[in-house]
């Protein structure tokens, strides 16, 4: 079979497909005969419905199915013969002027691009690292203590202080007019933990139970409530109850309560350090891989198939709707989400996927079985029963595909770091955990 491929623009191609009309007619008749054995019609016994009735009722849909099948088969044969890698689905249109006894179609489609990887030795990539310090362990201990804190009612004569849990009634007005969200009763918050604006915290500090006061509060210009952002309000606050917090001591009992078998403080700190190092490792990896991917996009040259971008955009819109659905948004499936919202991100994803795929293929960076096993075991260590977690992943092809994708990305990152201009940077623990 000789296939003539016409180049339209960049990645777009067109080929003409021809099929013998007699073969289509014969296949339609064959399928209708087969259908007539089971079709039911009023006034006829099953299997005895005349072909004319079957053809009248089902002829169009059967003809459509046959055309789809035949055109699809001829198209696949043609692109295989021409050794083309088709990106996305072809657009098939019937063509006029076919030879007698033939039907002709134009198939317009895109092909995968040639990916030209630039000089990786000229790429600049920042590689970060982070150390788990004693200060980070101390901070984690403070968080664990706060998770297990208790509160006790303060004596009537004592004022509210930093760290106290207070129960208040409040009402805010702007130019003497109440506003949405500006009023609450029996509202609880902890002073100094960022739950309220600092001006609010400052006003409540020192107040005693039963006391009321009025104070002005300036909302920041970037405040999340747009109706009050940048405006000044007057708040009336009545303090109903003050509770002082009590943090548990860091001792053997505390260590045992956290599951440390030997109950020692050294054992507790070592356990915290192991957990933090595991989290740091994954965050550092993610950040370094992102830097590598940015560098690859910059050094690679390729045209991106529009069909793949459109497909990725549709997936992202579907994911967004699913996310809205999980959040309880009504009619999330019908939510109007313009394609333009995701088009740039979708284009980058497709571009990056093509670049990474080429790099993996040409440099043998596929995930090896021992790498998959090692990665699974590392992930499972943060769970109570690691062996069960490993089995859970191994028992599902989709989950293992996700693990494999991560390992391939790790291989790509190592490959690029081994060839690019790398600048190493130590990032403070707190900065890494926030980022």
Protein backbone atom coordinates (compact mmCIF):
# COMPACT_ATOMS: atom_id res chain seq x y z
CA UNK A 1 0.00 0.00 0.00
CA UNK A 2 1.42 3.37 -1.02
CA UNK A 3 0.38 6.17 1.33
CA UNK A 4 0.66 9.83 0.30
CA UNK A 5 1.10 12.05 3.35
CA UNK A 6 0.46 15.77 2.92
CA UNK A 7 2.04 18.20 5.40
CA UNK A 8 -0.35 21.05 6.21
CA UNK A 9 1.24 23.04 9.05
CA UNK A 10 3.97 22.10 11.52
CA UNK A 11 2.63 18.84 13.00
CA UNK A 12 -0.60 18.63 10.99
CA UNK A 13 -0.84 15.97 8.29
CA UNK A 14 -3.49 14.76 5.86
CA UNK A 15 -3.92 11.49 4.03
CA UNK A 16 -6.67 10.29 1.69
CA UNK A 17 -8.36 6.99 2.50
CA UNK A 18 -10.26 4.99 -0.12
CA UNK A 19 -12.56 2.02 0.44
CA UNK A 20 -14.40 -0.19 -2.07
CA UNK A 21 -18.10 0.64 -1.89
CA UNK A 22 -19.00 -3.03 -2.49
CA UNK A 23 -17.07 -4.12 0.63
CA UNK A 24 -19.02 -1.62 2.76
CA UNK A 25 -22.33 -2.70 1.25
CA UNK A 26 -21.50 -6.37 1.79
CA UNK A 27 -20.52 -5.80 5.44
CA UNK A 28 -23.70 -3.78 6.13
CA UNK A 29 -25.86 -6.57 4.65
CA UNK A 30 -23.97 -9.19 6.69
CA UNK A 31 -24.53 -7.31 9.93
CA UNK A 32 -28.21 -6.69 9.15
CA UNK A 33 -28.74 -10.43 8.48
CA UNK A 34 -27.10 -11.25 11.78
CA UNK A 35 -29.24 -8.65 13.52
CA UNK A 36 -32.44 -10.01 11.97
CA UNK A 37 -32.03 -13.27 13.92
CA UNK A 38 -32.68 -11.53 17.25
CA UNK A 39 -34.60 -8.34 16.39
CA UNK A 40 -38.23 -8.07 17.54
CA UNK A 41 -41.05 -6.31 15.66
CA UNK A 42 -44.81 -6.18 16.17
CA UNK A 43 -46.68 -8.80 14.09
CA UNK A 44 -43.61 -10.99 13.48
CA UNK A 45 -42.15 -13.93 15.32
CA UNK A 46 -38.53 -13.51 16.57
CA UNK A 47 -36.14 -14.34 13.75
CA UNK A 48 -38.84 -13.94 11.09
CA UNK A 49 -38.76 -10.14 10.68
CA UNK A 50 -38.34 -9.30 6.94
CA UNK A 51 -34.99 -7.83 5.89
CA UNK A 52 -36.76 -4.78 4.49
CA UNK A 53 -38.14 -3.98 7.96
CA UNK A 54 -34.74 -4.60 9.62
CA UNK A 55 -33.00 -2.41 7.04
CA UNK A 56 -35.53 0.39 7.45
CA UNK A 57 -35.18 0.39 11.23
CA UNK A 58 -31.45 -0.26 11.66
CA UNK A 59 -29.87 0.40 8.28
CA UNK A 60 -28.57 3.90 9.06
CA UNK A 61 -26.96 3.00 12.40
CA UNK A 62 -25.40 -0.21 11.01
CA UNK A 63 -24.05 1.67 7.98
CA UNK A 64 -22.56 4.28 10.34
CA UNK A 65 -20.90 1.58 12.46
CA UNK A 66 -19.45 -0.17 9.40
CA UNK A 67 -18.08 3.08 7.98
CA UNK A 68 -16.46 3.90 11.33
CA UNK A 69 -14.89 0.46 11.60
CA UNK A 70 -13.68 0.33 8.00
CA UNK A 71 -12.32 3.88 7.94
CA UNK A 72 -10.62 3.34 11.28
CA UNK A 73 -9.00 0.14 10.04
CA UNK A 74 -7.79 1.73 6.79
CA UNK A 75 -6.50 4.77 8.71
CA UNK A 76 -4.51 2.60 11.14
CA UNK A 77 -3.05 0.59 8.25
CA UNK A 78 -2.09 3.81 6.44
CA UNK A 79 -0.31 5.49 9.39
CA UNK A 80 1.48 2.23 10.23
CA UNK A 81 2.64 1.96 6.63
CA UNK A 82 3.87 5.57 6.72
CA UNK A 83 5.45 5.00 10.17
CA UNK A 84 3.61 7.96 11.69
CA UNK A 85 2.99 8.45 15.44
CA UNK A 86 -0.48 9.99 15.61
CA UNK A 87 -1.19 12.49 18.40
CA UNK A 88 -4.88 12.60 19.27
CA UNK A 89 -7.85 11.47 17.19
CA UNK A 90 -8.02 12.21 13.43
CA UNK A 91 -10.72 14.38 11.84
CA UNK A 92 -12.39 12.35 9.08
CA UNK A 93 -14.30 14.11 6.29
CA UNK A 94 -15.82 12.54 3.17
CA UNK A 95 -14.08 13.55 -0.07
CA UNK A 96 -15.77 14.29 -3.37
CA UNK A 97 -14.62 12.88 -6.69
CA UNK A 98 -13.69 9.34 -5.63
CA UNK A 99 -13.02 6.78 -8.41
CA UNK A 100 -16.02 4.75 -9.50
CA UNK A 101 -16.86 2.00 -7.05
CA UNK A 102 -14.85 3.68 -4.28
CA UNK A 103 -15.60 6.03 -1.38
CA UNK A 104 -12.91 8.44 -0.27
CA UNK A 105 -12.17 10.30 2.95
CA UNK A 106 -9.62 12.87 4.08
CA UNK A 107 -8.06 12.13 7.45
CA UNK A 108 -6.50 15.21 9.06
CA UNK A 109 -4.42 14.64 12.18
CA UNK A 110 -1.33 15.68 14.13
CA UNK A 111 1.83 13.68 14.66
CA UNK A 112 4.16 13.61 17.64
CA UNK A 113 6.96 16.16 17.28
CA UNK A 114 10.67 15.69 17.04
CA UNK A 115 12.07 16.71 20.41
CA UNK A 116 15.40 18.51 20.24
CA UNK A 117 17.11 18.48 23.61
CA UNK A 118 19.51 21.37 23.98
CA UNK A 119 22.88 21.32 25.69
CA UNK A 120 22.20 20.25 29.26
CA UNK A 121 25.70 21.29 30.29
CA UNK A 122 24.64 24.90 29.71
CA UNK A 123 21.46 24.59 31.80
CA UNK A 124 21.52 26.26 35.21
CA UNK A 125 19.72 24.39 37.99
CA UNK A 126 19.48 25.13 41.70
CA UNK A 127 19.68 22.09 43.98
CA UNK A 128 18.49 22.58 47.55
CA UNK A 129 19.22 20.64 50.71
CA UNK A 130 17.93 20.98 54.27
CA UNK A 131 19.25 19.76 57.61
CA UNK A 132 16.98 18.63 60.42
CA UNK A 133 18.38 20.64 63.35
CA UNK A 134 17.77 20.39 67.10
CA UNK A 135 15.71 23.57 66.76
CA UNK A 136 13.42 21.80 64.28
CA UNK A 137 13.02 18.88 66.69
CA UNK A 138 12.27 21.31 69.55
CA UNK A 139 9.64 23.07 67.44
CA UNK A 140 8.00 19.75 66.61
CA UNK A 141 7.98 18.85 70.31
CA UNK A 142 6.19 22.14 71.02
CA UNK A 143 3.57 21.28 68.39
CA UNK A 144 3.08 17.82 69.93
CA UNK A 145 2.67 19.40 73.37
CA UNK A 146 0.08 21.86 72.05
CA UNK A 147 -1.86 18.99 70.49
CA UNK A 148 -2.17 17.47 73.98
CA UNK A 149 -2.68 20.66 76.01
CA UNK A 150 -5.49 21.22 78.48
CA UNK A 151 -7.27 24.38 79.64
CA UNK A 152 -8.30 25.50 83.13
CA UNK A 153 -10.54 28.38 84.11
CA UNK A 154 -8.63 31.45 85.30
CA UNK A 155 -9.59 33.17 88.55
CA UNK A 156 -12.07 36.06 88.10
CA UNK A 157 -9.51 38.72 89.01
CA UNK A 158 -6.89 37.68 86.44
CA UNK A 159 -6.72 39.28 83.01
CA UNK A 160 -6.45 37.43 79.69
CA UNK A 161 -2.85 36.72 78.65
CA UNK A 162 -0.92 35.32 75.71
CA UNK A 163 -1.88 31.69 75.06
CA UNK A 164 -5.17 31.86 76.96
CA UNK A 165 -8.34 30.54 75.41
CA UNK A 166 -11.04 33.19 75.67
CA UNK A 167 -14.78 33.01 75.06
CA UNK A 168 -16.29 36.28 73.86
CA UNK A 169 -19.35 37.98 72.38
CA UNK A 170 -18.52 40.62 69.79
CA UNK A 171 -20.17 42.93 67.30
CA UNK A 172 -18.46 45.10 64.70
CA UNK A 173 -19.84 48.12 62.87
CA UNK A 174 -18.52 50.26 60.03
CA UNK A 175 -19.83 53.84 60.15
CA UNK A 176 -22.37 52.63 62.70
CA UNK A 177 -23.72 49.88 60.43
CA UNK A 178 -23.29 46.15 61.23
CA UNK A 179 -21.68 44.00 58.51
CA UNK A 180 -21.82 40.32 57.53
CA UNK A 181 -19.55 38.16 59.69
CA UNK A 182 -19.01 40.98 62.18
CA UNK A 183 -21.05 39.48 65.03
CA UNK A 184 -20.75 36.31 67.11
CA UNK A 185 -21.70 34.92 70.52
CA UNK A 186 -19.69 32.51 72.68
CA UNK A 187 -16.86 32.69 70.16
CA UNK A 188 -13.60 30.99 71.24
CA UNK A 189 -10.03 31.72 70.18
CA UNK A 190 -6.53 31.49 71.62
CA UNK A 191 -4.72 34.78 72.08
CA UNK A 192 -1.52 35.09 70.08
CA UNK A 193 -1.97 32.10 67.74
CA UNK A 194 -2.99 34.11 64.67
CA UNK A 195 -6.65 33.16 64.70
CA UNK A 196 -7.61 36.83 64.92
CA UNK A 197 -6.04 40.02 63.61
CA UNK A 198 -3.29 41.34 65.89
CA UNK A 199 -5.35 44.45 66.76
CA UNK A 200 -8.13 42.17 67.99
CA UNK A 201 -5.67 40.10 70.04
CA UNK A 202 -4.16 43.26 71.54
CA UNK A 203 -7.58 44.61 72.54
CA UNK A 204 -8.56 41.43 74.38
CA UNK A 205 -5.23 41.00 76.21
CA UNK A 206 -5.59 42.12 79.82
CA UNK A 207 -9.41 42.08 79.82
CA UNK A 208 -11.08 40.31 82.73
CA UNK A 209 -14.02 37.95 82.73
CA UNK A 210 -17.31 39.92 82.54
CA UNK A 211 -15.61 43.03 81.18
CA UNK A 212 -16.71 44.84 77.98
CA UNK A 213 -14.85 47.33 75.82
CA UNK A 214 -15.07 49.08 72.47
CA UNK A 215 -12.06 49.50 70.21
CA UNK A 216 -11.28 50.49 66.60
CA UNK A 217 -9.88 47.90 64.16
CA UNK A 218 -8.35 48.64 60.75
CA UNK A 219 -8.89 45.80 58.28
CA UNK A 220 -5.86 45.22 56.01
CA UNK A 221 -6.23 46.22 52.35
CA UNK A 222 -5.66 42.56 51.32
CA UNK A 223 -8.12 41.13 53.86
CA UNK A 224 -9.99 38.07 52.53
CA UNK A 225 -13.38 39.70 53.22
CA UNK A 226 -13.56 42.11 50.29
CA UNK A 227 -16.54 44.05 51.71
CA UNK A 228 -14.50 45.21 54.71
CA UNK A 229 -10.95 45.16 53.30
CA UNK A 230 -9.14 48.45 53.97
CA UNK A 231 -11.95 49.83 56.15
CA UNK A 232 -12.02 50.73 59.84
CA UNK A 233 -14.58 49.11 62.13
CA UNK A 234 -15.59 49.67 65.75
CA UNK A 235 -15.92 46.47 67.79
CA UNK A 236 -17.78 45.94 71.05
CA UNK A 237 -16.35 42.92 72.88
CA UNK A 238 -17.62 41.24 76.04
CA UNK A 239 -15.30 38.68 77.62
CA UNK A 240 -17.31 35.73 78.98
CA UNK A 241 -14.60 33.25 80.05
CA UNK A 242 -10.80 32.96 80.30
CA UNK A 243 -9.01 29.60 80.33
CA UNK A 244 -5.26 29.25 80.84
CA UNK A 245 -3.54 26.55 78.82
CA UNK A 246 -1.38 23.88 80.43
CA UNK A 247 1.17 22.04 78.30
CA UNK A 248 2.25 18.52 79.29
CA UNK A 249 5.83 18.15 80.48
CA UNK A 250 8.31 16.51 78.13
CA UNK A 251 9.10 13.44 80.21
CA UNK A 252 8.98 9.66 80.00
CA UNK A 253 5.18 9.59 80.38
CA UNK A 254 4.87 12.00 77.46
CA UNK A 255 7.22 9.86 75.35
CA UNK A 256 5.24 6.70 76.11
CA UNK A 257 1.98 8.48 75.28
CA UNK A 258 3.46 9.17 71.82
CA UNK A 259 4.22 5.48 71.27
CA UNK A 260 7.95 5.46 72.15
CA UNK A 261 8.45 1.93 73.50
CA UNK A 262 11.45 2.58 75.75
CA UNK A 263 9.84 5.80 77.04
CA UNK A 264 13.08 7.78 76.89
CA UNK A 265 13.45 11.39 75.76
CA UNK A 266 16.38 10.37 73.54
CA UNK A 267 14.14 7.80 71.89
CA UNK A 268 11.42 10.44 71.38
CA UNK A 269 13.82 12.93 69.81
CA UNK A 270 15.31 10.21 67.58
CA UNK A 271 11.82 9.20 66.41
CA UNK A 272 10.90 12.82 65.64
CA UNK A 273 14.17 13.28 63.75
CA UNK A 274 13.53 10.16 61.62
CA UNK A 275 10.04 11.37 60.71
CA UNK A 276 11.24 14.89 59.91
CA UNK A 277 14.12 13.59 57.79
CA UNK A 278 11.68 11.44 55.81
CA UNK A 279 9.40 14.44 55.20
CA UNK A 280 12.38 16.67 54.36
CA UNK A 281 13.68 14.13 51.86
CA UNK A 282 10.41 14.04 49.92
CA UNK A 283 10.03 17.84 49.96
CA UNK A 284 13.61 18.38 48.83
CA UNK A 285 13.12 15.84 46.05
CA UNK A 286 9.92 17.55 44.90
CA UNK A 287 11.55 20.98 44.89
CA UNK A 288 14.66 19.77 43.06
CA UNK A 289 12.58 17.91 40.47
CA UNK A 290 10.56 21.06 39.84
CA UNK A 291 13.83 22.95 39.20
CA UNK A 292 14.97 20.24 36.78
CA UNK A 293 11.66 20.31 34.90
CA UNK A 294 11.89 24.10 34.53
CA UNK A 295 15.39 23.72 33.09
CA UNK A 296 14.29 21.00 30.64
CA UNK A 297 11.45 23.14 29.30
CA UNK A 298 13.92 25.96 28.65
CA UNK A 299 16.53 23.91 26.77
CA UNK A 300 14.15 21.78 24.65
CA UNK A 301 12.82 22.73 21.24
CA UNK A 302 9.61 21.18 19.92
CA UNK A 303 6.19 21.91 18.49
CA UNK A 304 3.36 20.85 20.79
CA UNK A 305 0.39 18.95 19.27
CA UNK A 306 -2.82 20.97 19.76
CA UNK A 307 -4.83 17.76 20.14
CA UNK A 308 -2.80 16.69 23.16
CA UNK A 309 -3.15 20.13 24.77
CA UNK A 310 -6.91 20.05 24.21
CA UNK A 311 -7.09 16.57 25.73
CA UNK A 312 -5.06 17.63 28.78
CA UNK A 313 -7.21 20.76 29.18
CA UNK A 314 -10.36 18.62 29.17
CA UNK A 315 -8.86 16.35 31.84
CA UNK A 316 -7.96 19.34 34.01
CA UNK A 317 -11.48 20.75 33.69
CA UNK A 318 -12.93 17.35 34.64
CA UNK A 319 -10.61 17.20 37.67
CA UNK A 320 -11.64 20.73 38.69
CA UNK A 321 -15.32 19.78 38.51
CA UNK A 322 -14.66 16.64 40.53
CA UNK A 323 -12.89 18.74 43.17
CA UNK A 324 -15.87 21.12 43.32
CA UNK A 325 -18.16 18.11 43.69
CA UNK A 326 -16.14 16.78 46.65
CA UNK A 327 -16.43 20.19 48.30
CA UNK A 328 -20.20 19.98 48.07
CA UNK A 329 -20.69 22.56 45.31
CA UNK A 330 -24.15 22.22 43.80
CA UNK A 331 -24.32 21.23 40.10
CA UNK A 332 -20.51 20.95 39.97
CA UNK A 333 -20.78 18.88 36.78
CA UNK A 334 -22.31 21.88 35.02
CA UNK A 335 -19.95 24.49 36.43
CA UNK A 336 -18.84 26.86 33.63
CA UNK A 337 -15.05 26.48 33.49
CA UNK A 338 -13.51 28.16 30.42
CA UNK A 339 -10.73 26.18 28.71
CA UNK A 340 -8.53 29.30 28.82
CA UNK A 341 -8.20 28.88 32.60
CA UNK A 342 -6.08 25.76 32.11
CA UNK A 343 -4.73 26.08 28.56
CA UNK A 344 -1.29 27.48 29.49
CA UNK A 345 -0.80 24.91 32.26
CA UNK A 346 -2.01 22.11 29.99
CA UNK A 347 0.39 23.18 27.24
CA UNK A 348 3.30 23.14 29.70
CA UNK A 349 2.32 19.68 31.01
CA UNK A 350 2.18 18.24 27.51
CA UNK A 351 5.46 19.90 26.52
CA UNK A 352 7.18 18.61 29.64
CA UNK A 353 5.75 15.12 29.17
CA UNK A 354 7.14 14.94 25.63
CA UNK A 355 10.56 16.23 26.72
CA UNK A 356 10.81 13.85 29.68
CA UNK A 357 9.61 10.93 27.54
CA UNK A 358 12.33 11.62 24.98
CA UNK A 359 14.99 11.95 27.67
CA UNK A 360 13.90 8.66 29.30
CA UNK A 361 13.76 6.81 25.97
CA UNK A 362 17.13 7.97 24.64
CA UNK A 363 19.03 7.54 27.92
CA UNK A 364 17.48 4.40 29.40
CA UNK A 365 16.01 6.15 32.46
CA UNK A 366 13.07 3.77 32.88
CA UNK A 367 12.24 2.65 36.42
CA UNK A 368 14.06 -0.55 37.41
CA UNK A 369 12.36 -3.18 39.64
CA UNK A 370 14.83 -2.61 42.49
CA UNK A 371 14.18 1.15 42.34
CA UNK A 372 10.42 0.61 42.57
CA UNK A 373 10.85 -1.71 45.55
CA UNK A 374 13.14 0.73 47.36
CA UNK A 375 10.78 3.66 46.77
CA UNK A 376 7.79 1.65 48.00
CA UNK A 377 9.61 0.66 51.18
CA UNK A 378 10.63 4.26 51.88
CA UNK A 379 7.04 5.48 51.45
CA UNK A 380 5.69 2.70 53.65
CA UNK A 381 8.01 3.49 56.57
CA UNK A 382 5.76 6.31 57.78
CA UNK A 383 2.89 3.83 58.32
CA UNK A 384 2.27 1.52 61.24
CA UNK A 385 2.34 -1.63 59.08
CA UNK A 386 4.78 -0.98 56.20
CA UNK A 387 4.51 -4.46 54.68
CA UNK A 388 0.74 -4.08 54.23
CA UNK A 389 1.22 -0.72 52.51
CA UNK A 390 3.74 -2.25 50.08
CA UNK A 391 1.30 -5.09 49.28
CA UNK A 392 -1.50 -2.53 48.77
CA UNK A 393 0.53 -0.74 46.09
CA UNK A 394 1.75 -3.94 44.44
CA UNK A 395 -1.84 -5.19 44.18
CA UNK A 396 -3.04 -2.38 41.90
CA UNK A 397 -1.68 -1.55 38.44
CA UNK A 398 -2.81 2.10 38.57
CA UNK A 399 -1.13 2.72 41.93
CA UNK A 400 2.08 1.11 40.70
CA UNK A 401 1.97 3.28 37.56
CA UNK A 402 1.96 6.34 39.82
CA UNK A 403 4.94 4.97 41.78
CA UNK A 404 6.76 4.23 38.53
CA UNK A 405 6.17 7.81 37.31
CA UNK A 406 7.76 9.19 40.49
CA UNK A 407 10.81 6.92 40.17
CA UNK A 408 11.26 7.92 36.51
CA UNK A 409 11.14 11.60 37.54
CA UNK A 410 13.82 10.87 40.15
CA UNK A 411 15.98 9.24 37.47
CA UNK A 412 15.52 12.25 35.20
CA UNK A 413 16.47 14.62 38.02
CA UNK A 414 19.65 12.64 38.80
CA UNK A 415 20.53 12.56 35.09
CA UNK A 416 20.14 16.33 34.67
CA UNK A 417 21.98 17.16 37.90
CA UNK A 418 24.86 15.05 36.65
CA UNK A 419 25.22 17.20 33.52
CA UNK A 420 23.89 20.71 34.22
CA UNK A 421 25.48 23.73 35.91
CA UNK A 422 24.31 23.06 39.45
CA UNK A 423 24.28 25.63 42.25
CA UNK A 424 23.76 24.09 45.69
CA UNK A 425 21.72 25.98 48.28
CA UNK A 426 20.99 25.10 51.88
CA UNK A 427 17.39 26.02 52.70
CA UNK A 428 16.37 26.53 56.35
CA UNK A 429 14.03 23.86 57.68
CA UNK A 430 11.15 26.29 58.35
CA UNK A 431 11.36 27.73 54.82
CA UNK A 432 11.22 24.27 53.25
CA UNK A 433 8.23 23.18 55.32
CA UNK A 434 6.26 26.33 54.49
CA UNK A 435 7.13 26.29 50.78
